[in-house]
């Protein structure tokens, strides 16, 4: 028996299992997809997924990551 039975011919998910949503941009800081894209990923066509995958690098550069979290905010006040 081979694993070919279990293989799918679809584009891979960009998920890196670091699921933290940027509070303002509402984009995951791990994979750079929107909440809507993450939720609808399994229902998208291959073309829709490929288009999103092509946009992720540009999103990465536009996203400002938060630094310091709660501790940094409390020390400013």
N, C-alpha and C. Protein backbone atom coordinates (compact mmCIF):
# COMPACT_ATOMS: atom_id res chain seq x y z
N UNK A 1 0.85 -1.19 0.00
CA UNK A 1 0.00 0.00 0.00
C UNK A 1 0.89 1.25 0.00
N UNK A 2 0.50 2.23 -0.78
CA UNK A 2 1.28 3.46 -0.85
C UNK A 2 0.51 4.61 -0.24
N UNK A 3 1.21 5.69 0.02
CA UNK A 3 0.58 6.88 0.57
C UNK A 3 -0.10 7.72 -0.49
N UNK A 4 -0.02 7.34 -1.75
CA UNK A 4 -0.63 8.12 -2.83
C UNK A 4 -2.13 8.29 -2.63
N UNK A 5 -2.75 7.34 -1.98
CA UNK A 5 -4.19 7.41 -1.72
C UNK A 5 -4.53 8.63 -0.86
N UNK A 6 -3.65 8.98 0.04
CA UNK A 6 -3.92 10.05 1.00
C UNK A 6 -3.43 11.42 0.55
N UNK A 7 -2.72 11.48 -0.54
CA UNK A 7 -2.21 12.76 -1.03
C UNK A 7 -3.30 13.54 -1.73
N UNK A 8 -3.26 14.84 -1.56
CA UNK A 8 -4.20 15.72 -2.24
C UNK A 8 -3.43 16.61 -3.20
N UNK A 9 -4.05 16.94 -4.28
CA UNK A 9 -3.43 17.82 -5.26
C UNK A 9 -3.95 19.24 -5.01
N UNK A 10 -3.46 19.84 -3.95
CA UNK A 10 -3.89 21.20 -3.62
C UNK A 10 -2.72 21.98 -3.03
N UNK A 11 -2.85 23.27 -3.05
CA UNK A 11 -1.80 24.13 -2.53
C UNK A 11 -1.72 24.00 -1.01
N UNK A 12 -0.53 23.99 -0.48
CA UNK A 12 -0.33 23.82 0.95
C UNK A 12 -0.77 25.07 1.71
N UNK A 13 -1.13 24.86 2.95
CA UNK A 13 -1.49 25.98 3.82
C UNK A 13 -0.22 26.70 4.27
N UNK A 14 -0.26 28.03 4.40
CA UNK A 14 0.91 28.76 4.87
C UNK A 14 1.03 28.75 6.40
N UNK A 15 0.14 28.06 7.07
CA UNK A 15 0.12 28.05 8.54
C UNK A 15 1.45 27.54 9.10
N UNK A 16 1.99 28.27 10.08
CA UNK A 16 3.23 27.87 10.75
C UNK A 16 2.98 27.59 12.23
N UNK A 17 1.70 27.48 12.59
CA UNK A 17 1.26 27.15 13.95
C UNK A 17 1.69 28.20 14.97
N UNK A 18 1.77 29.45 14.54
CA UNK A 18 1.98 30.58 15.43
C UNK A 18 0.78 31.50 15.19
N UNK A 19 -0.29 31.24 15.90
CA UNK A 19 -1.56 31.92 15.64
C UNK A 19 -1.76 33.08 16.61
N UNK A 20 -1.30 34.25 16.19
CA UNK A 20 -1.47 35.47 16.97
C UNK A 20 -1.99 36.52 15.99
N UNK A 21 -3.14 37.05 16.28
CA UNK A 21 -3.76 38.02 15.37
C UNK A 21 -3.36 39.43 15.77
N UNK A 22 -2.82 40.19 14.83
CA UNK A 22 -2.46 41.58 15.06
C UNK A 22 -3.74 42.35 15.36
N UNK A 23 -3.79 43.10 16.46
CA UNK A 23 -5.05 43.72 16.89
C UNK A 23 -5.61 44.78 15.95
N UNK A 24 -4.77 45.46 15.21
CA UNK A 24 -5.25 46.51 14.31
C UNK A 24 -5.43 46.00 12.88
N UNK A 25 -4.46 45.26 12.38
CA UNK A 25 -4.52 44.79 11.00
C UNK A 25 -5.42 43.56 10.85
N UNK A 26 -5.68 42.86 11.95
CA UNK A 26 -6.47 41.62 11.95
C UNK A 26 -5.90 40.58 11.00
N UNK A 27 -4.56 40.49 11.03
CA UNK A 27 -3.82 39.52 10.23
C UNK A 27 -3.01 38.66 11.18
N UNK A 28 -2.96 37.37 10.92
CA UNK A 28 -2.16 36.46 11.75
C UNK A 28 -0.68 36.80 11.55
N UNK A 29 0.04 36.97 12.66
CA UNK A 29 1.45 37.31 12.57
C UNK A 29 2.32 36.10 12.24
N UNK A 30 1.73 34.92 12.19
CA UNK A 30 2.46 33.71 11.81
C UNK A 30 2.40 33.45 10.32
N UNK A 31 1.19 33.48 9.74
CA UNK A 31 1.04 33.14 8.32
C UNK A 31 0.63 34.33 7.46
N UNK A 32 0.26 35.44 8.08
CA UNK A 32 -0.09 36.69 7.39
C UNK A 32 -1.40 36.61 6.62
N UNK A 33 -2.27 35.67 6.99
CA UNK A 33 -3.60 35.62 6.40
C UNK A 33 -4.58 36.37 7.29
N UNK A 34 -5.68 36.84 6.70
CA UNK A 34 -6.73 37.46 7.49
C UNK A 34 -7.55 36.38 8.18
N UNK A 35 -8.34 36.78 9.16
CA UNK A 35 -9.21 35.84 9.86
C UNK A 35 -10.16 35.17 8.86
N UNK A 36 -10.69 35.95 7.93
CA UNK A 36 -11.62 35.42 6.94
C UNK A 36 -10.95 34.39 6.04
N UNK A 37 -9.69 34.66 5.66
CA UNK A 37 -8.96 33.73 4.81
C UNK A 37 -8.67 32.43 5.54
N UNK A 38 -8.30 32.53 6.80
CA UNK A 38 -8.03 31.33 7.60
C UNK A 38 -9.29 30.49 7.72
N UNK A 39 -10.40 31.13 8.05
CA UNK A 39 -11.66 30.42 8.22
C UNK A 39 -12.19 29.78 6.96
N UNK A 40 -11.94 30.40 5.82
CA UNK A 40 -12.47 29.90 4.56
C UNK A 40 -11.49 29.10 3.73
N UNK A 41 -10.29 28.87 4.23
CA UNK A 41 -9.23 28.23 3.46
C UNK A 41 -9.65 26.90 2.85
N UNK A 42 -10.32 26.06 3.61
CA UNK A 42 -10.68 24.73 3.11
C UNK A 42 -11.76 24.78 2.04
N UNK A 43 -12.48 25.88 1.94
CA UNK A 43 -13.54 26.01 0.94
C UNK A 43 -13.10 26.79 -0.30
N UNK A 44 -11.87 27.29 -0.31
CA UNK A 44 -11.38 28.07 -1.44
C UNK A 44 -10.91 27.18 -2.58
N UNK A 45 -10.94 27.75 -3.76
CA UNK A 45 -10.41 27.04 -4.92
C UNK A 45 -8.88 27.15 -4.90
N UNK A 46 -8.24 26.31 -5.68
CA UNK A 46 -6.77 26.37 -5.78
C UNK A 46 -6.30 27.74 -6.26
N UNK A 47 -7.05 28.34 -7.19
CA UNK A 47 -6.68 29.67 -7.70
C UNK A 47 -6.78 30.73 -6.62
N UNK A 48 -7.82 30.66 -5.79
CA UNK A 48 -7.97 31.63 -4.70
C UNK A 48 -6.83 31.48 -3.70
N UNK A 49 -6.50 30.24 -3.36
CA UNK A 49 -5.39 30.00 -2.41
C UNK A 49 -4.07 30.48 -2.99
N UNK A 50 -3.83 30.22 -4.25
CA UNK A 50 -2.58 30.64 -4.89
C UNK A 50 -2.46 32.15 -4.91
N UNK A 51 -3.58 32.85 -5.16
CA UNK A 51 -3.56 34.32 -5.16
C UNK A 51 -3.18 34.84 -3.77
N UNK A 52 -3.78 34.27 -2.74
CA UNK A 52 -3.48 34.70 -1.37
C UNK A 52 -2.02 34.40 -1.03
N UNK A 53 -1.55 33.22 -1.39
CA UNK A 53 -0.15 32.86 -1.11
C UNK A 53 0.80 33.86 -1.77
N UNK A 54 0.44 34.36 -2.94
CA UNK A 54 1.26 35.34 -3.63
C UNK A 54 1.28 36.71 -2.96
N UNK A 55 0.28 36.99 -2.13
CA UNK A 55 0.18 38.28 -1.45
C UNK A 55 0.85 38.30 -0.08
N UNK A 56 1.20 37.14 0.46
CA UNK A 56 1.65 37.07 1.85
C UNK A 56 2.96 37.81 2.11
N UNK A 57 3.93 37.75 1.20
CA UNK A 57 5.20 38.45 1.42
C UNK A 57 5.00 39.95 1.54
N UNK A 58 4.11 40.51 0.74
CA UNK A 58 3.85 41.95 0.80
C UNK A 58 3.19 42.31 2.12
N UNK A 59 2.34 41.45 2.62
CA UNK A 59 1.68 41.71 3.91
C UNK A 59 2.68 41.69 5.05
N UNK A 60 3.64 40.81 4.95
CA UNK A 60 4.65 40.67 6.01
C UNK A 60 5.39 41.99 6.22
N UNK A 61 5.75 42.65 5.15
CA UNK A 61 6.51 43.89 5.27
C UNK A 61 5.64 45.06 5.75
N UNK A 62 4.33 44.96 5.55
CA UNK A 62 3.46 46.06 5.97
C UNK A 62 2.96 45.91 7.40
N UNK A 63 3.21 44.77 8.01
CA UNK A 63 2.70 44.50 9.35
C UNK A 63 3.73 44.86 10.40
N UNK A 64 3.35 45.73 11.32
CA UNK A 64 4.23 46.10 12.41
C UNK A 64 3.93 45.20 13.59
N UNK A 65 4.92 44.44 14.00
CA UNK A 65 4.71 43.53 15.12
C UNK A 65 4.82 44.30 16.43
N UNK A 66 4.00 43.89 17.38
CA UNK A 66 4.03 44.49 18.71
C UNK A 66 5.24 43.96 19.45
N UNK A 67 5.83 44.80 20.26
CA UNK A 67 6.99 44.38 21.05
C UNK A 67 6.73 44.64 22.52
N UNK A 68 7.06 43.67 23.33
CA UNK A 68 7.00 43.85 24.77
C UNK A 68 5.69 43.45 25.41
N UNK A 69 4.62 43.43 24.66
CA UNK A 69 3.33 43.01 25.19
C UNK A 69 2.86 43.86 26.35
N UNK A 70 2.18 43.25 27.27
CA UNK A 70 1.55 43.95 28.40
C UNK A 70 2.60 44.61 29.29
N UNK A 71 3.68 43.94 29.54
CA UNK A 71 4.72 44.48 30.43
C UNK A 71 5.27 45.81 29.90
N UNK A 72 5.51 45.89 28.59
CA UNK A 72 6.04 47.11 27.99
C UNK A 72 5.01 48.25 28.09
N UNK A 73 3.73 47.94 27.89
CA UNK A 73 2.70 48.97 27.99
C UNK A 73 2.57 49.49 29.41
N UNK A 74 2.68 48.61 30.39
CA UNK A 74 2.55 49.03 31.79
C UNK A 74 3.74 49.88 32.23
N UNK A 75 4.94 49.57 31.70
CA UNK A 75 6.12 50.34 32.10
C UNK A 75 6.13 51.74 31.49
N UNK A 76 5.33 51.97 30.44
CA UNK A 76 5.25 53.29 29.81
C UNK A 76 4.39 54.23 30.62
N UNK A 77 3.46 53.71 31.37
CA UNK A 77 2.48 54.54 32.06
C UNK A 77 2.88 55.07 33.36
